[in-house]
Each structure stands twice: as structure tokens, then as C-alpha cells.
Amino acid sequence: MLALNNFDKAFENRIRLQVMSVLVANESYDFNSLKELLATTDGNLASHLKALEKEAYISVIKSFLGRKPNTRYQATEKGIAAFKKHLEALENLIKQQKS
């Protein structure tokens, strides 16, 4: 039987999994672009970003574009490693189901 201890609870939610997919594939992404891409609400996205930030899987970069505040997110090394480990666990589960 497959040991499920390589699955990361932080990525059990679809939004968090999608956020990490975007951030691992891109250097950084801003809040509004993430919200639009993932078709989610401000509050929903903010709560999932906070959960990933609490795990130190993402970092927050706050700046101003002209006079407008801009919040960007970036995957941390810890977050990238955890995400890759989670994906490997998913791949192993799929491989095990096929055999």
C-alpha cells in the first residue's frame, strides 16, 4: 500500500495547488492576475495565499506602480521543493494504480 505521508496537506485545496503551479512556472505573479487566471474571489484567493505564506511556501512582494499598490507573490525554495515532492507523490499514486 502506498504511504500517503508524501502528500502535503497545504496542496489539498484546488486553489492552492493552482497557485503553486502558476508560481513555480513563473518568476512571480500579482494578486489581480492570479485572481483573474484562477477565476476566484478576492477573499477566497487571499485566504489561500495566506495559508501558503504561513507555510513559507510563497513570499509576498509589496510595491507601488505609480500610485497604485501592487502585491506580487513568488514561490520560495521551500515551496518549490514541497510542491515537487507533492507532485512526485501524485505520480507515484497514479503509477501504482496502473499496475
Protein backbone atom coordinates (compact mmCIF):
# COMPACT_ATOMS: atom_id res chain seq x y z
CA MET A 1 0.00 0.00 0.00
CA LEU A 2 1.21 3.49 -0.84
CA ALA A 3 2.38 5.62 2.04
CA LEU A 4 0.45 8.87 1.79
CA ASN A 5 2.84 10.80 4.02
CA ASN A 6 4.48 12.48 0.99
CA PHE A 7 1.23 14.28 0.20
CA ASP A 8 1.27 17.84 1.51
CA LYS A 9 -1.96 18.98 3.16
CA ALA A 10 -1.21 22.54 2.03
CA PHE A 11 -1.91 21.43 -1.55
CA GLU A 12 -5.14 19.52 -0.88
CA ASN A 13 -7.16 22.53 -1.97
CA ARG A 14 -7.55 23.13 -5.71
CA ILE A 15 -6.83 26.88 -5.45
CA ARG A 16 -3.58 26.35 -3.53
CA LEU A 17 -2.48 23.69 -6.00
CA GLN A 18 -3.22 26.07 -8.88
CA VAL A 19 -1.46 29.00 -7.19
CA MET A 20 1.69 26.93 -6.68
CA SER A 21 1.53 25.65 -10.27
CA VAL A 22 1.46 29.24 -11.53
CA LEU A 23 4.19 30.45 -9.17
CA VAL A 24 6.53 27.53 -9.88
CA ALA A 25 6.13 28.11 -13.63
CA ASN A 26 6.58 31.92 -13.38
CA GLU A 27 9.05 34.13 -11.54
CA SER A 28 6.21 35.98 -9.80
CA TYR A 29 2.55 36.84 -10.26
CA ASP A 30 0.43 39.70 -8.97
CA PHE A 31 -2.79 39.33 -6.99
CA ASN A 32 -5.21 40.59 -9.65
CA SER A 33 -3.66 38.43 -12.38
CA LEU A 34 -3.89 35.35 -10.14
CA LYS A 35 -7.50 36.19 -9.28
CA GLU A 36 -8.41 36.52 -12.95
CA LEU A 37 -6.48 33.43 -14.06
CA LEU A 38 -7.97 31.22 -11.33
CA ALA A 39 -11.46 32.77 -11.57
CA THR A 40 -11.82 33.22 -7.84
CA THR A 41 -12.90 35.98 -5.47
CA ASP A 42 -10.60 38.37 -3.60
CA GLY A 43 -11.42 36.82 -0.23
CA ASN A 44 -11.07 33.23 -1.38
CA LEU A 45 -7.72 33.86 -3.06
CA ALA A 46 -6.43 35.93 -0.14
CA SER A 47 -7.19 33.17 2.38
CA HIS A 48 -5.38 30.54 0.29
CA LEU A 49 -2.41 32.83 -0.28
CA LYS A 50 -2.21 33.43 3.48
CA ALA A 51 -2.20 29.67 4.08
CA LEU A 52 0.69 29.20 1.63
CA GLU A 53 2.52 32.18 3.14
CA LYS A 54 2.08 30.72 6.64
CA GLU A 55 3.83 27.53 5.43
CA ALA A 56 6.61 29.75 3.97
CA TYR A 57 5.85 28.28 0.53
CA ILE A 58 5.38 31.72 -1.03
CA SER A 59 6.76 35.18 -0.37
CA VAL A 60 4.92 38.46 -0.76
CA ILE A 61 6.42 41.45 -2.56
CA LYS A 62 4.56 44.73 -2.00
CA SER A 63 5.33 47.75 -4.16
CA PHE A 64 3.71 50.66 -5.94
CA LEU A 65 3.10 51.02 -9.66
CA GLY A 66 2.76 54.77 -9.91
CA ARG A 67 0.41 55.50 -7.02
CA LYS A 68 -1.30 52.10 -7.06
CA PRO A 69 -0.25 49.42 -4.60
CA ASN A 70 0.85 46.17 -6.23
CA THR A 71 1.16 42.85 -4.42
CA ARG A 72 3.16 40.10 -6.12
CA TYR A 73 3.76 36.55 -4.98
CA GLN A 74 6.74 34.30 -5.55
CA ALA A 75 7.33 30.64 -4.74
CA THR A 76 10.09 30.13 -2.18
CA GLU A 77 12.73 27.41 -2.44
CA LYS A 78 10.92 25.58 0.36
CA GLY A 79 7.63 25.91 -1.52
CA ILE A 80 9.09 24.67 -4.79
CA ALA A 81 10.64 21.65 -3.07
CA ALA A 82 7.39 20.83 -1.24
CA PHE A 83 5.36 21.23 -4.45
CA LYS A 84 7.69 18.93 -6.41
CA LYS A 85 7.56 16.34 -3.62
CA HIS A 86 3.75 16.51 -3.68
CA LEU A 87 3.69 16.07 -7.48
CA GLU A 88 6.02 13.07 -7.21
CA ALA A 89 3.67 11.51 -4.66
CA LEU A 90 0.75 12.05 -7.07
CA GLU A 91 2.72 10.49 -9.93
CA ASN A 92 3.62 7.50 -7.76
CA LEU A 93 -0.01 7.05 -6.79
CA ILE A 94 -1.04 7.09 -10.47
CA LYS A 95 1.70 4.62 -11.40
CA GLN A 96 0.67 2.32 -8.57
CA GLN A 97 -2.98 2.43 -9.68
CA LYS A 98 -1.97 1.38 -13.21
CA SER A 99 -0.06 -1.71 -12.03
